[in-house]
Amino acid sequence: MTVRTIRENTAADDLASRFDRDGYAVLEGALTPDEVAELRAETVRICRGERGAVEGAPPSVAGESDDDTVRRFLCVHYPHKLSALMLDTMRHPAVVGPLTQVIGPDIKSMQSMLFVKSEGKPGQAWHQDEMFIPTRDRSLTAAWIALDDATVDNGCLWVLPGSHRPGVIYPNRQHDDARYDCTVESYGFPYDDAVAVPVEMAAGSVLLFNGYLLHKSLPNTGRQGFRRALVNHYMSASSLLPWAPPEAELPMAQADFRDIVLVAGRDPYAYKGTTDIRTPRVRRDRSGGCDR
């Protein structure tokens, strides 16, 4: 074994062990500045409707600046269905390579979300992604790609380290906290806000986190500017995804959502084919989170 291979294995073991312990890990500088700049430019094209229809998108305004156009959006779901660049980023080796260390060799993706969150836009209350996307095997992992420097002021993510380890999906409820959109909030968990950690990152860095990890974000309180992020969700391709009710007379245990993208390895269920069910849409400022 060469010295380089030893170092690579050590780095992989370190990432896997940190992810197992804390439920998250940051990949610093995973994307280049040029890649980030192109994703920002693509965000403008998507918000202007140049990449196709987005359900619920506000109508474009003649003569409006790029920033003002983008500022009217909080989040676009499924941008990878509009943009070849967004789809390529879902498959980016700098993201997928580390994912194979924490998920396994066979990986599929089922969702992308393009967050804009300009000044004054809300965050999301404490929640777990697994309560929206049921992967069964605890392999659900988000890749949160910072397209701007993510800071406390502009609404970076906060996490409760280790909260994924029990493998418990905590109860949730509606709330009326104006700091957050109307996604339900998790409660009744044995962790205190005092141990929450803000994950500040430079643009181009990627936060990987487990689907059971409790996390939240606060509003963008900056005087001006965006906190743009592209978030993709992944899981083991070896597991079924019961994200929608099964067809008539099919047992729930066989439900398998097939609107997916294989990003690594092989798909043991490829014989089922894939579907194109979900369509790009916007999330309103004060309305729900992930697809339920």
C-alpha atoms as a PDB file:
ATOM      1  CA  MET A   1       0.000   0.000   0.000  1.00  0.00           C
ATOM      2  CA  THR A   2       1.394   3.395  -0.973  1.00  0.00           C
ATOM      3  CA  VAL A   3       1.680   6.338   1.402  1.00  0.00           C
ATOM      4  CA  ARG A   4      -0.977   8.150  -0.623  1.00  0.00           C
ATOM      5  CA  THR A   5      -3.406   5.220  -0.274  1.00  0.00           C
ATOM      6  CA  ILE A   6      -2.796   5.091   3.463  1.00  0.00           C
ATOM      7  CA  ARG A   7      -3.546   8.789   3.765  1.00  0.00           C
ATOM      8  CA  GLU A   8      -6.682   8.467   1.639  1.00  0.00           C
ATOM      9  CA  ASN A   9      -7.942   5.577   3.760  1.00  0.00           C
ATOM     10  CA  THR A  10      -7.212   7.514   6.947  1.00  0.00           C
ATOM     11  CA  ALA A  11      -9.152  10.500   5.629  1.00  0.00           C
ATOM     12  CA  ALA A  12     -12.064   8.249   4.691  1.00  0.00           C
ATOM     13  CA  ASP A  13     -12.060   6.584   8.102  1.00  0.00           C
ATOM     14  CA  ASP A  14     -11.950  10.002   9.761  1.00  0.00           C
ATOM     15  CA  LEU A  15     -14.958  11.241   7.756  1.00  0.00           C
ATOM     16  CA  ALA A  16     -16.940   8.080   8.461  1.00  0.00           C
ATOM     17  CA  SER A  17     -16.135   8.141  12.173  1.00  0.00           C
ATOM     18  CA  ARG A  18     -16.970  11.845  12.540  1.00  0.00           C
ATOM     19  CA  PHE A  19     -20.210  11.376  10.637  1.00  0.00           C
ATOM     20  CA  ASP A  20     -21.153   8.370  12.772  1.00  0.00           C
ATOM     21  CA  ARG A  21     -20.379  10.270  15.983  1.00  0.00           C
ATOM     22  CA  ASP A  22     -21.846  13.691  15.200  1.00  0.00           C
ATOM     23  CA  GLY A  23     -24.328  13.006  12.412  1.00  0.00           C
ATOM     24  CA  TYR A  24     -22.735  15.589  10.141  1.00  0.00           C
ATOM     25  CA  ALA A  25     -19.471  16.576   8.478  1.00  0.00           C
ATOM     26  CA  VAL A  26     -18.296  19.551   6.421  1.00  0.00           C
ATOM     27  CA  LEU A  27     -16.473  19.096   3.106  1.00  0.00           C
ATOM     28  CA  GLU A  28     -14.542  22.339   2.853  1.00  0.00           C
ATOM     29  CA  GLY A  29     -14.038  23.781  -0.635  1.00  0.00           C
ATOM     30  CA  ALA A  30     -15.665  20.837  -2.393  1.00  0.00           C
ATOM     31  CA  LEU A  31     -16.789  23.032  -5.299  1.00  0.00           C
ATOM     32  CA  THR A  32     -14.541  25.537  -7.030  1.00  0.00           C
ATOM     33  CA  PRO A  33     -15.353  29.277  -7.148  1.00  0.00           C
ATOM     34  CA  ASP A  34     -16.130  28.928 -10.867  1.00  0.00           C
ATOM     35  CA  GLU A  35     -18.576  26.104 -10.192  1.00  0.00           C
ATOM     36  CA  VAL A  36     -20.286  28.144  -7.484  1.00  0.00           C
ATOM     37  CA  ALA A  37     -20.523  31.181  -9.763  1.00  0.00           C
ATOM     38  CA  GLU A  38     -22.158  29.104 -12.497  1.00  0.00           C
ATOM     39  CA  LEU A  39     -24.684  27.649 -10.030  1.00  0.00           C
ATOM     40  CA  ARG A  40     -25.577  31.171  -8.917  1.00  0.00           C
ATOM     41  CA  ALA A  41     -26.059  32.212 -12.546  1.00  0.00           C
ATOM     42  CA  GLU A  42     -28.212  29.121 -13.135  1.00  0.00           C
ATOM     43  CA  THR A  43     -30.313  30.113 -10.128  1.00  0.00           C
ATOM     44  CA  VAL A  44     -31.140  33.368 -11.913  1.00  0.00           C
ATOM     45  CA  ARG A  45     -32.089  31.486 -15.084  1.00  0.00           C
ATOM     46  CA  ILE A  46     -34.390  29.163 -13.130  1.00  0.00           C
ATOM     47  CA  CYS A  47     -36.053  32.039 -11.279  1.00  0.00           C
ATOM     48  CA  ARG A  48     -36.578  33.882 -14.583  1.00  0.00           C
ATOM     49  CA  GLY A  49     -38.295  30.797 -16.015  1.00  0.00           C
ATOM     50  CA  GLU A  50     -35.600  30.277 -18.635  1.00  0.00           C
ATOM     51  CA  ARG A  51     -35.169  26.613 -17.721  1.00  0.00           C
ATOM     52  CA  GLY A  52     -38.864  25.736 -17.789  1.00  0.00           C
ATOM     53  CA  ALA A  53     -42.051  26.130 -15.811  1.00  0.00           C
ATOM     54  CA  VAL A  54     -41.948  26.224 -12.012  1.00  0.00           C
ATOM     55  CA  GLU A  55     -45.317  25.729 -10.355  1.00  0.00           C
ATOM     56  CA  GLY A  56     -46.271  28.689  -8.173  1.00  0.00           C
ATOM     57  CA  ALA A  57     -43.450  30.920  -9.403  1.00  0.00           C
ATOM     58  CA  PRO A  58     -44.175  34.652  -9.281  1.00  0.00           C
ATOM     59  CA  PRO A  59     -44.500  36.216 -12.742  1.00  0.00           C
ATOM     60  CA  SER A  60     -41.394  37.832 -14.148  1.00  0.00           C
ATOM     61  CA  VAL A  61     -41.199  41.626 -14.208  1.00  0.00           C
ATOM     62  CA  ALA A  62     -39.827  43.416 -17.261  1.00  0.00           C
ATOM     63  CA  GLY A  63     -36.603  45.255 -16.546  1.00  0.00           C
ATOM     64  CA  GLU A  64     -36.194  43.693 -13.116  1.00  0.00           C
ATOM     65  CA  SER A  65     -32.605  43.115 -11.964  1.00  0.00           C
ATOM     66  CA  ASP A  66     -31.278  39.597 -11.460  1.00  0.00           C
ATOM     67  CA  ASP A  67     -31.068  40.138  -7.707  1.00  0.00           C
ATOM     68  CA  ASP A  68     -34.639  41.420  -7.463  1.00  0.00           C
ATOM     69  CA  THR A  69     -35.909  38.463  -9.491  1.00  0.00           C
ATOM     70  CA  VAL A  70     -34.151  35.930  -7.279  1.00  0.00           C
ATOM     71  CA  ARG A  71     -35.116  37.800  -4.117  1.00  0.00           C
ATOM     72  CA  ARG A  72     -38.784  36.930  -4.662  1.00  0.00           C
ATOM     73  CA  PHE A  73     -38.067  33.206  -4.192  1.00  0.00           C
ATOM     74  CA  LEU A  74     -37.444  31.273  -0.981  1.00  0.00           C
ATOM     75  CA  CYS A  75     -36.981  27.770  -2.383  1.00  0.00           C
ATOM     76  CA  VAL A  76     -37.451  25.876  -5.651  1.00  0.00           C
ATOM     77  CA  HIS A  77     -38.047  22.140  -5.347  1.00  0.00           C
ATOM     78  CA  TYR A  78     -36.598  19.730  -7.939  1.00  0.00           C
ATOM     79  CA  PRO A  79     -34.305  22.121  -9.837  1.00  0.00           C
ATOM     80  CA  HIS A  80     -32.434  19.073 -11.153  1.00  0.00           C
ATOM     81  CA  LYS A  81     -35.489  18.409 -13.349  1.00  0.00           C
ATOM     82  CA  LEU A  82     -35.058  21.821 -14.977  1.00  0.00           C
ATOM     83  CA  SER A  83     -31.301  22.167 -15.236  1.00  0.00           C
ATOM     84  CA  ALA A  84     -28.595  19.872 -16.579  1.00  0.00           C
ATOM     85  CA  LEU A  85     -26.132  21.757 -14.365  1.00  0.00           C
ATOM     86  CA  MET A  86     -28.182  21.063 -11.237  1.00  0.00           C
ATOM     87  CA  LEU A  87     -28.421  17.397 -12.248  1.00  0.00           C
ATOM     88  CA  ASP A  88     -24.664  17.237 -12.818  1.00  0.00           C
ATOM     89  CA  THR A  89     -24.109  18.792  -9.394  1.00  0.00           C
ATOM     90  CA  MET A  90     -26.310  16.102  -7.834  1.00  0.00           C
ATOM     91  CA  ARG A  91     -23.777  13.629  -9.288  1.00  0.00           C
ATOM     92  CA  HIS A  92     -20.682  15.715  -8.500  1.00  0.00           C
ATOM     93  CA  PRO A  93     -17.723  13.456  -7.590  1.00  0.00           C
ATOM     94  CA  ALA A  94     -16.654  15.796  -4.752  1.00  0.00           C
ATOM     95  CA  VAL A  95     -20.029  15.125  -3.123  1.00  0.00           C
ATOM     96  CA  VAL A  96     -20.783  11.568  -4.188  1.00  0.00           C
ATOM     97  CA  GLY A  97     -17.307  10.270  -3.308  1.00  0.00           C
ATOM     98  CA  PRO A  98     -17.654  11.168   0.394  1.00  0.00           C
ATOM     99  CA  LEU A  99     -21.260   9.934   0.347  1.00  0.00           C
ATOM    100  CA  THR A 100     -20.047   6.441  -0.543  1.00  0.00           C
ATOM    101  CA  GLN A 101     -18.049   6.517   2.698  1.00  0.00           C
ATOM    102  CA  VAL A 102     -21.102   7.217   4.863  1.00  0.00           C
ATOM    103  CA  ILE A 103     -23.908   5.510   2.888  1.00  0.00           C
ATOM    104  CA  GLY A 104     -22.240   2.741   0.889  1.00  0.00           C
ATOM    105  CA  PRO A 105     -21.328   2.020  -2.735  1.00  0.00           C
ATOM    106  CA  ASP A 106     -24.853   2.115  -4.193  1.00  0.00           C
ATOM    107  CA  ILE A 107     -26.582   5.495  -3.894  1.00  0.00           C
ATOM    108  CA  LYS A 108     -29.717   7.086  -5.324  1.00  0.00           C
ATOM    109  CA  SER A 109     -31.073  10.608  -4.981  1.00  0.00           C
ATOM    110  CA  MET A 110     -34.757  11.457  -4.746  1.00  0.00           C
ATOM    111  CA  GLN A 111     -34.919  15.198  -4.137  1.00  0.00           C
ATOM    112  CA  SER A 112     -33.216  18.521  -4.787  1.00  0.00           C
ATOM    113  CA  MET A 113     -34.053  21.926  -3.324  1.00  0.00           C
ATOM    114  CA  LEU A 114     -32.628  25.286  -4.344  1.00  0.00           C
ATOM    115  CA  PHE A 115     -32.813  27.728  -1.432  1.00  0.00           C
ATOM    116  CA  VAL A 116     -32.436  31.454  -2.006  1.00  0.00           C
ATOM    117  CA  LYS A 117     -33.351  33.005   1.380  1.00  0.00           C
ATOM    118  CA  SER A 118     -32.654  36.683   0.882  1.00  0.00           C
ATOM    119  CA  GLU A 119     -32.666  39.204   3.714  1.00  0.00           C
ATOM    120  CA  GLY A 120     -35.769  38.917   5.906  1.00  0.00           C
ATOM    121  CA  LYS A 121     -36.773  35.464   4.675  1.00  0.00           C
ATOM    122  CA  PRO A 122     -37.646  32.873   7.362  1.00  0.00           C
ATOM    123  CA  GLY A 123     -35.825  29.764   8.490  1.00  0.00           C
ATOM    124  CA  GLN A 124     -37.145  26.332   9.471  1.00  0.00           C
ATOM    125  CA  ALA A 125     -37.807  25.087  13.008  1.00  0.00           C
ATOM    126  CA  TRP A 126     -36.109  22.009  14.471  1.00  0.00           C
ATOM    127  CA  HIS A 127     -36.871  18.985  12.320  1.00  0.00           C
ATOM    128  CA  GLN A 128     -35.481  15.714  10.977  1.00  0.00           C
ATOM    129  CA  ASP A 129     -35.469  14.988   7.262  1.00  0.00           C
ATOM    130  CA  GLU A 130     -36.338  11.354   7.912  1.00  0.00           C
ATOM    131  CA  MET A 131     -39.778  12.349   9.174  1.00  0.00           C
ATOM    132  CA  PHE A 132     -40.530  13.512   5.600  1.00  0.00           C
ATOM    133  CA  ILE A 133     -38.516  10.986   3.543  1.00  0.00           C
ATOM    134  CA  PRO A 134     -38.792   7.429   4.963  1.00  0.00           C
ATOM    135  CA  THR A 135     -35.693   5.471   4.015  1.00  0.00           C
ATOM    136  CA  ARG A 136     -36.207   2.743   6.648  1.00  0.00           C
ATOM    137  CA  ASP A 137     -32.511   1.878   6.815  1.00  0.00           C
ATOM    138  CA  ARG A 138     -31.285   5.206   8.292  1.00  0.00           C
ATOM    139  CA  SER A 139     -29.211   5.901   5.171  1.00  0.00           C
ATOM    140  CA  LEU A 140     -30.913   9.209   4.298  1.00  0.00           C
ATOM    141  CA  THR A 141     -28.237  11.879   3.941  1.00  0.00           C
ATOM    142  CA  ALA A 142     -28.490  15.503   2.845  1.00  0.00           C
ATOM    143  CA  ALA A 143     -25.751  17.331   0.963  1.00  0.00           C
ATOM    144  CA  TRP A 144     -26.178  21.058   1.707  1.00  0.00           C
ATOM    145  CA  ILE A 145     -24.055  22.950  -0.827  1.00  0.00           C
ATOM    146  CA  ALA A 146     -23.317  26.558   0.163  1.00  0.00           C
ATOM    147  CA  LEU A 147     -23.575  28.944  -2.804  1.00  0.00           C
ATOM    148  CA  ASP A 148     -22.843  31.916  -0.516  1.00  0.00           C
ATOM    149  CA  ASP A 149     -20.872  32.103   2.688  1.00  0.00           C
ATOM    150  CA  ALA A 150     -23.320  30.723   5.270  1.00  0.00           C
ATOM    151  CA  THR A 151     -23.166  32.683   8.531  1.00  0.00           C
ATOM    152  CA  VAL A 152     -25.208  33.087  11.683  1.00  0.00           C
ATOM    153  CA  ASP A 153     -26.397  36.470  10.415  1.00  0.00           C
ATOM    154  CA  ASN A 154     -27.680  35.229   7.075  1.00  0.00           C
ATOM    155  CA  GLY A 155     -29.329  32.064   8.379  1.00  0.00           C
ATOM    156  CA  CYS A 156     -26.865  29.155   8.356  1.00  0.00           C
ATOM    157  CA  LEU A 157     -27.955  25.744   9.602  1.00  0.00           C
ATOM    158  CA  TRP A 158     -27.829  24.851  13.290  1.00  0.00           C
ATOM    159  CA  VAL A 159     -27.446  21.214  14.369  1.00  0.00           C
ATOM    160  CA  LEU A 160     -27.722  19.166  17.544  1.00  0.00           C
ATOM    161  CA  PRO A 161     -24.618  16.932  17.332  1.00  0.00           C
ATOM    162  CA  GLY A 162     -25.267  13.255  17.953  1.00  0.00           C
ATOM    163  CA  SER A 163     -29.058  13.626  17.892  1.00  0.00           C
ATOM    164  CA  HIS A 164     -29.218  11.097  15.037  1.00  0.00           C
ATOM    165  CA  ARG A 165     -27.739   8.279  17.085  1.00  0.00           C
ATOM    166  CA  PRO A 166     -30.885   7.011  18.888  1.00  0.00           C
ATOM    167  CA  GLY A 167     -32.577   6.494  15.519  1.00  0.00           C
ATOM    168  CA  VAL A 168     -35.811   7.960  16.888  1.00  0.00           C
ATOM    169  CA  ILE A 169     -38.191  10.147  14.893  1.00  0.00           C
ATOM    170  CA  TYR A 170     -39.471  12.664  17.402  1.00  0.00           C
ATOM    171  CA  PRO A 171     -43.054  13.979  17.423  1.00  0.00           C
ATOM    172  CA  ASN A 172     -43.885  17.149  15.556  1.00  0.00           C
ATOM    173  CA  ARG A 173     -46.488  19.893  15.765  1.00  0.00           C
ATOM    174  CA  GLN A 174     -47.636  23.079  14.104  1.00  0.00           C
ATOM    175  CA  HIS A 175     -46.163  26.323  15.450  1.00  0.00           C
ATOM    176  CA  ASP A 176     -46.690  30.063  15.156  1.00  0.00           C
ATOM    177  CA  ASP A 177     -43.079  31.211  15.505  1.00  0.00           C
ATOM    178  CA  ALA A 178     -42.632  33.996  12.947  1.00  0.00           C
ATOM    179  CA  ARG A 179     -38.919  33.182  12.599  1.00  0.00           C
ATOM    180  CA  TYR A 180     -39.762  30.027  10.670  1.00  0.00           C
ATOM    181  CA  ASP A 181     -41.816  28.931   7.693  1.00  0.00           C
ATOM    182  CA  CYS A 182     -44.794  26.713   8.422  1.00  0.00           C
ATOM    183  CA  THR A 183     -42.958  23.423   8.327  1.00  0.00           C
ATOM    184  CA  VAL A 184     -43.897  21.527  11.491  1.00  0.00           C
ATOM    185  CA  GLU A 185     -41.421  21.610  14.367  1.00  0.00           C
ATOM    186  CA  SER A 186     -40.010  18.599  16.175  1.00  0.00           C
ATOM    187  CA  TYR A 187     -40.353  18.543  19.964  1.00  0.00           C
ATOM    188  CA  GLY A 188     -39.984  16.225  22.935  1.00  0.00           C
ATOM    189  CA  PHE A 189     -36.353  15.375  22.215  1.00  0.00           C
ATOM    190  CA  PRO A 190     -33.751  15.098  25.011  1.00  0.00           C
ATOM    191  CA  TYR A 191     -31.475  17.873  23.722  1.00  0.00           C
ATOM    192  CA  ASP A 192     -31.233  21.495  24.735  1.00  0.00           C
ATOM    193  CA  ASP A 193     -30.785  24.492  22.446  1.00  0.00           C
ATOM    194  CA  ALA A 194     -27.739  25.379  24.540  1.00  0.00           C
ATOM    195  CA  VAL A 195     -25.765  22.572  22.867  1.00  0.00           C
ATOM    196  CA  ALA A 196     -26.800  23.521  19.312  1.00  0.00           C
ATOM    197  CA  VAL A 197     -23.949  24.316  16.939  1.00  0.00           C
ATOM    198  CA  PRO A 198     -24.130  26.838  14.067  1.00  0.00           C
ATOM    199  CA  VAL A 199     -22.532  25.434  10.927  1.00  0.00           C
ATOM    200  CA  GLU A 200     -20.910  28.427   9.267  1.00  0.00           C
ATOM    201  CA  MET A 201     -19.327  27.580   5.912  1.00  0.00           C
ATOM    202  CA  ALA A 202     -17.631  29.289   3.003  1.00  0.00           C
ATOM    203  CA  ALA A 203     -19.285  29.202  -0.412  1.00  0.00           C
ATOM    204  CA  GLY A 204     -18.363  25.965  -2.178  1.00  0.00           C
ATOM    205  CA  SER A 205     -18.282  23.914   1.008  1.00  0.00           C
ATOM    206  CA  VAL A 206     -20.759  21.100   1.559  1.00  0.00           C
ATOM    207  CA  LEU A 207     -22.472  19.972   4.750  1.00  0.00           C
ATOM    208  CA  LEU A 208     -23.375  16.283   4.835  1.00  0.00           C
ATOM    209  CA  PHE A 209     -25.850  15.299   7.524  1.00  0.00           C
ATOM    210  CA  ASN A 210     -27.873  12.250   8.516  1.00  0.00           C
ATOM    211  CA  GLY A 211     -31.634  12.161   8.037  1.00  0.00           C
ATOM    212  CA  TYR A 212     -32.228  11.655  11.770  1.00  0.00           C
ATOM    213  CA  LEU A 213     -30.103  14.656  12.794  1.00  0.00           C
ATOM    214  CA  LEU A 214     -32.112  17.451  14.385  1.00  0.00           C
ATOM    215  CA  HIS A 215     -31.380  20.716  12.586  1.00  0.00           C
ATOM    216  CA  LYS A 216     -32.914  24.121  11.992  1.00  0.00           C
ATOM    217  CA  SER A 217     -32.184  27.481  10.411  1.00  0.00           C
ATOM    218  CA  LEU A 218     -32.978  31.014  11.489  1.00  0.00           C
ATOM    219  CA  PRO A 219     -34.055  33.920   9.276  1.00  0.00           C
ATOM    220  CA  ASN A 220     -31.617  35.857   7.156  1.00  0.00           C
ATOM    221  CA  THR A 221     -31.177  38.939   9.338  1.00  0.00           C
ATOM    222  CA  GLY A 222     -28.425  40.443   7.195  1.00  0.00           C
ATOM    223  CA  ARG A 223     -29.036  43.965   5.961  1.00  0.00           C
ATOM    224  CA  GLN A 224     -28.666  42.844   2.356  1.00  0.00           C
ATOM    225  CA  GLY A 225     -27.733  39.691   0.506  1.00  0.00           C
ATOM    226  CA  PHE A 226     -28.589  36.053  -0.041  1.00  0.00           C
ATOM    227  CA  ARG A 227     -27.942  32.739   1.651  1.00  0.00           C
ATOM    228  CA  ARG A 228     -28.263  30.525  -1.390  1.00  0.00           C
ATOM    229  CA  ALA A 229     -27.826  26.775  -1.065  1.00  0.00           C
ATOM    230  CA  LEU A 230     -28.462  23.710  -3.203  1.00  0.00           C
ATOM    231  CA  VAL A 231     -29.624  20.774  -1.098  1.00  0.00           C
ATOM    232  CA  ASN A 232     -29.804  17.221  -2.450  1.00  0.00           C
ATOM    233  CA  HIS A 233     -31.070  14.162  -0.595  1.00  0.00           C
ATOM    234  CA  TYR A 234     -29.552  10.703  -1.022  1.00  0.00           C
ATOM    235  CA  MET A 235     -29.988   7.188   0.326  1.00  0.00           C
ATOM    236  CA  SER A 236     -28.827   3.629  -0.250  1.00  0.00           C
ATOM    237  CA  ALA A 237     -29.998   2.297  -3.600  1.00  0.00           C
ATOM    238  CA  SER A 238     -30.308  -1.124  -1.964  1.00  0.00           C
ATOM    239  CA  SER A 239     -33.341  -0.026   0.067  1.00  0.00           C
ATOM    240  CA  LEU A 240     -36.907   0.626  -1.034  1.00  0.00           C
ATOM    241  CA  LEU A 241     -38.302   4.131  -0.619  1.00  0.00           C
ATOM    242  CA  PRO A 242     -41.931   4.130   0.649  1.00  0.00           C
ATOM    243  CA  TRP A 243     -42.412   7.852  -0.032  1.00  0.00           C
ATOM    244  CA  ALA A 244     -45.888   7.498  -1.565  1.00  0.00           C
ATOM    245  CA  PRO A 245     -48.779   5.060  -1.054  1.00  0.00           C
ATOM    246  CA  PRO A 246     -48.380   1.820  -2.995  1.00  0.00           C
ATOM    247  CA  GLU A 247     -50.522   0.904  -5.965  1.00  0.00           C
ATOM    248  CA  ALA A 248     -53.864  -0.725  -5.242  1.00  0.00           C
ATOM    249  CA  GLU A 249     -53.579  -4.124  -3.517  1.00  0.00           C
ATOM    250  CA  LEU A 250     -49.804  -3.796  -3.190  1.00  0.00           C
ATOM    251  CA  PRO A 251     -48.621  -4.251   0.414  1.00  0.00           C
ATOM    252  CA  MET A 252     -47.109  -1.164   2.035  1.00  0.00           C
ATOM    253  CA  ALA A 253     -43.917  -3.146   2.594  1.00  0.00           C
ATOM    254  CA  GLN A 254     -43.414  -3.224  -1.182  1.00  0.00           C
ATOM    255  CA  ALA A 255     -43.962   0.502  -1.798  1.00  0.00           C
ATOM    256  CA  ASP A 256     -41.004   1.927  -3.681  1.00  0.00           C
ATOM    257  CA  PHE A 257     -40.842   5.497  -4.985  1.00  0.00           C
ATOM    258  CA  ARG A 258     -39.028   5.383  -8.320  1.00  0.00           C
ATOM    259  CA  ASP A 259     -38.674   9.050  -9.257  1.00  0.00           C
ATOM    260  CA  ILE A 260     -34.976   8.768  -8.484  1.00  0.00           C
ATOM    261  CA  VAL A 261     -31.509   9.375  -9.920  1.00  0.00           C
ATOM    262  CA  LEU A 262     -28.782   6.753  -9.482  1.00  0.00           C
ATOM    263  CA  VAL A 263     -25.556   8.596  -8.607  1.00  0.00           C
ATOM    264  CA  ALA A 264     -23.199   5.763  -7.597  1.00  0.00           C
ATOM    265  CA  GLY A 265     -22.880   2.011  -7.980  1.00  0.00           C
ATOM    266  CA  ARG A 266     -25.794  -0.124  -9.116  1.00  0.00           C
ATOM    267  CA  ASP A 267     -29.542  -0.092  -8.573  1.00  0.00           C
ATOM    268  CA  PRO A 268     -30.763  -3.553  -7.495  1.00  0.00           C
ATOM    269  CA  TYR A 269     -34.301  -2.487  -8.445  1.00  0.00           C
ATOM    270  CA  ALA A 270     -33.452  -1.176 -11.909  1.00  0.00           C
ATOM    271  CA  TYR A 271     -35.802  -3.789 -13.390  1.00  0.00           C
ATOM    272  CA  LYS A 272     -38.688  -1.621 -12.092  1.00  0.00           C
ATOM    273  CA  GLY A 273     -37.640   1.301 -14.238  1.00  0.00           C
ATOM    274  CA  THR A 274     -37.952   4.909 -13.113  1.00  0.00           C
ATOM    275  CA  THR A 275     -40.816   7.401 -13.118  1.00  0.00           C
ATOM    276  CA  ASP A 276     -41.186  11.168 -13.469  1.00  0.00           C
ATOM    277  CA  ILE A 277     -43.824  12.108 -10.887  1.00  0.00           C
ATOM    278  CA  ARG A 278     -42.724  15.200  -9.005  1.00  0.00           C
ATOM    279  CA  THR A 279     -42.642  18.543 -10.797  1.00  0.00           C
ATOM    280  CA  PRO A 280     -40.609  21.687 -10.045  1.00  0.00           C
ATOM    281  CA  ARG A 281     -42.451  24.054  -7.714  1.00  0.00           C
ATOM    282  CA  VAL A 282     -41.794  26.913  -5.349  1.00  0.00           C
ATOM    283  CA  ARG A 283     -42.090  26.911  -1.593  1.00  0.00           C
ATOM    284  CA  ARG A 284     -43.933  29.937  -0.281  1.00  0.00           C
ATOM    285  CA  ASP A 285     -42.381  31.907   2.552  1.00  0.00           C
ATOM    286  CA  ARG A 286     -44.758  30.638   5.211  1.00  0.00           C
ATOM    287  CA  SER A 287     -45.748  27.241   3.868  1.00  0.00           C
ATOM    288  CA  GLY A 288     -44.481  23.701   4.255  1.00  0.00           C
ATOM    289  CA  GLY A 289     -41.140  22.018   3.941  1.00  0.00           C
ATOM    290  CA  CYS A 290     -40.086  18.790   2.283  1.00  0.00           C
ATOM    291  CA  ASP A 291     -42.668  16.791   0.328  1.00  0.00           C
ATOM    292  CA  ARG A 292     -44.695  14.664   2.716  1.00  0.00           C
END
